[in-house]
Amino acid sequence: MKEPVEYRIEHLRQRLAAADIAELGVRVDLRGDTVVLSGTVATPECRATVRQIAEAELEGVPLLTDVVVGHTDPPEHVEVLR
């Protein structure tokens, strides 16, 4: 028998914090019977890794991913202050 979903969510939070990506900017919430991942990560690869870890930890639990990739590129133009 699998652990209750709340315990599995906590295991997921621990794995995300301890993983090579050390992703602390991702929230994990239970909404009804669905687990929702939200937040901002640095790269598309990081987002994919977060999703893979969540799918492995929460197998069989409905999962919604609302994780976006933040842009850290420098501005393309100079800001004019007046």
C-alpha atoms as a PDB file:
ATOM      1  CA  MET A   1       0.000   0.000   0.000  1.00  0.00           C
ATOM      2  CA  LYS A   2       1.303   3.443  -0.936  1.00  0.00           C
ATOM      3  CA  GLU A   3       1.739   6.207   1.610  1.00  0.00           C
ATOM      4  CA  PRO A   4      -0.953   8.912   1.829  1.00  0.00           C
ATOM      5  CA  VAL A   5      -0.523  11.587  -0.834  1.00  0.00           C
ATOM      6  CA  GLU A   6       0.440  14.220   1.769  1.00  0.00           C
ATOM      7  CA  TYR A   7       3.494  12.149   2.745  1.00  0.00           C
ATOM      8  CA  ARG A   8       4.402  11.620  -0.890  1.00  0.00           C
ATOM      9  CA  ILE A   9       4.185  15.371  -1.482  1.00  0.00           C
ATOM     10  CA  GLU A  10       6.580  15.984   1.404  1.00  0.00           C
ATOM     11  CA  HIS A  11       8.983  13.387  -0.012  1.00  0.00           C
ATOM     12  CA  LEU A  12       8.779  15.223  -3.348  1.00  0.00           C
ATOM     13  CA  ARG A  13       9.596  18.561  -1.692  1.00  0.00           C
ATOM     14  CA  GLN A  14      12.624  16.974  -0.020  1.00  0.00           C
ATOM     15  CA  ARG A  15      13.811  15.416  -3.282  1.00  0.00           C
ATOM     16  CA  LEU A  16      13.483  18.722  -5.140  1.00  0.00           C
ATOM     17  CA  ALA A  17      15.510  20.503  -2.466  1.00  0.00           C
ATOM     18  CA  ALA A  18      18.188  17.799  -2.370  1.00  0.00           C
ATOM     19  CA  ALA A  19      18.443  17.054  -6.097  1.00  0.00           C
ATOM     20  CA  ASP A  20      21.274  18.336  -8.269  1.00  0.00           C
ATOM     21  CA  ILE A  21      18.975  21.115  -9.403  1.00  0.00           C
ATOM     22  CA  ALA A  22      18.304  22.112  -5.746  1.00  0.00           C
ATOM     23  CA  GLU A  23      15.069  23.657  -6.907  1.00  0.00           C
ATOM     24  CA  LEU A  24      13.487  25.590  -4.060  1.00  0.00           C
ATOM     25  CA  GLY A  25      11.442  27.915  -6.286  1.00  0.00           C
ATOM     26  CA  VAL A  26       8.833  25.259  -7.045  1.00  0.00           C
ATOM     27  CA  ARG A  27       5.692  25.048  -4.933  1.00  0.00           C
ATOM     28  CA  VAL A  28       3.931  21.722  -4.491  1.00  0.00           C
ATOM     29  CA  ASP A  29       0.270  22.010  -3.497  1.00  0.00           C
ATOM     30  CA  LEU A  30      -2.608  19.572  -3.209  1.00  0.00           C
ATOM     31  CA  ARG A  31      -5.823  20.886  -4.757  1.00  0.00           C
ATOM     32  CA  GLY A  32      -8.592  18.365  -4.397  1.00  0.00           C
ATOM     33  CA  ASP A  33      -7.096  15.114  -5.636  1.00  0.00           C
ATOM     34  CA  THR A  34      -4.595  16.838  -7.960  1.00  0.00           C
ATOM     35  CA  VAL A  35      -1.041  17.872  -7.102  1.00  0.00           C
ATOM     36  CA  VAL A  36      -0.083  21.209  -8.641  1.00  0.00           C
ATOM     37  CA  LEU A  37       3.534  22.196  -9.302  1.00  0.00           C
ATOM     38  CA  SER A  38       4.018  25.936  -9.748  1.00  0.00           C
ATOM     39  CA  GLY A  39       6.852  28.426  -9.711  1.00  0.00           C
ATOM     40  CA  THR A  40       9.816  29.529 -11.777  1.00  0.00           C
ATOM     41  CA  VAL A  41      12.954  27.620 -12.753  1.00  0.00           C
ATOM     42  CA  ALA A  42      16.108  28.665 -14.599  1.00  0.00           C
ATOM     43  CA  THR A  43      16.004  26.408 -17.686  1.00  0.00           C
ATOM     44  CA  PRO A  44      13.690  24.178 -19.703  1.00  0.00           C
ATOM     45  CA  GLU A  45      15.868  21.229 -18.676  1.00  0.00           C
ATOM     46  CA  CYS A  46      15.294  22.074 -15.010  1.00  0.00           C
ATOM     47  CA  ARG A  47      11.529  22.189 -15.610  1.00  0.00           C
ATOM     48  CA  ALA A  48      11.668  18.757 -17.271  1.00  0.00           C
ATOM     49  CA  THR A  49      13.697  17.357 -14.369  1.00  0.00           C
ATOM     50  CA  VAL A  50      11.203  18.714 -11.833  1.00  0.00           C
ATOM     51  CA  ARG A  51       8.377  17.056 -13.773  1.00  0.00           C
ATOM     52  CA  GLN A  52      10.254  13.720 -13.985  1.00  0.00           C
ATOM     53  CA  ILE A  53      10.980  13.701 -10.249  1.00  0.00           C
ATOM     54  CA  ALA A  54       7.337  14.546  -9.485  1.00  0.00           C
ATOM     55  CA  GLU A  55       6.001  11.829 -11.782  1.00  0.00           C
ATOM     56  CA  ALA A  56       8.265   9.250 -10.136  1.00  0.00           C
ATOM     57  CA  GLU A  57       7.368  10.291  -6.581  1.00  0.00           C
ATOM     58  CA  LEU A  58       3.646  10.749  -7.215  1.00  0.00           C
ATOM     59  CA  GLU A  59       2.960   7.855  -9.557  1.00  0.00           C
ATOM     60  CA  GLY A  60      -0.789   7.381  -9.923  1.00  0.00           C
ATOM     61  CA  VAL A  61      -1.674  10.825  -8.548  1.00  0.00           C
ATOM     62  CA  PRO A  62      -3.101  13.425 -10.985  1.00  0.00           C
ATOM     63  CA  LEU A  63      -0.379  16.021 -11.617  1.00  0.00           C
ATOM     64  CA  LEU A  64      -0.627  19.510 -13.101  1.00  0.00           C
ATOM     65  CA  THR A  65       2.569  21.359 -13.969  1.00  0.00           C
ATOM     66  CA  ASP A  66       2.454  25.163 -14.051  1.00  0.00           C
ATOM     67  CA  VAL A  67       6.216  25.761 -13.845  1.00  0.00           C
ATOM     68  CA  VAL A  68       7.635  28.528 -16.017  1.00  0.00           C
ATOM     69  CA  VAL A  69      11.178  29.242 -17.153  1.00  0.00           C
ATOM     70  CA  GLY A  70      12.498  32.616 -15.987  1.00  0.00           C
ATOM     71  CA  HIS A  71      14.481  34.686 -18.417  1.00  0.00           C
ATOM     72  CA  THR A  72      17.878  35.800 -17.214  1.00  0.00           C
ATOM     73  CA  ASP A  73      19.087  37.271 -20.487  1.00  0.00           C
ATOM     74  CA  PRO A  74      20.317  40.860 -20.418  1.00  0.00           C
ATOM     75  CA  PRO A  75      17.971  43.486 -21.854  1.00  0.00           C
ATOM     76  CA  GLU A  76      18.087  43.965 -25.609  1.00  0.00           C
ATOM     77  CA  HIS A  77      17.989  47.762 -25.402  1.00  0.00           C
ATOM     78  CA  VAL A  78      19.158  50.529 -23.139  1.00  0.00           C
ATOM     79  CA  GLU A  79      16.645  51.899 -20.663  1.00  0.00           C
ATOM     80  CA  VAL A  80      16.295  55.662 -20.951  1.00  0.00           C
ATOM     81  CA  LEU A  81      15.647  57.429 -17.664  1.00  0.00           C
ATOM     82  CA  ARG A  82      14.116  60.881 -17.728  1.00  0.00           C
END
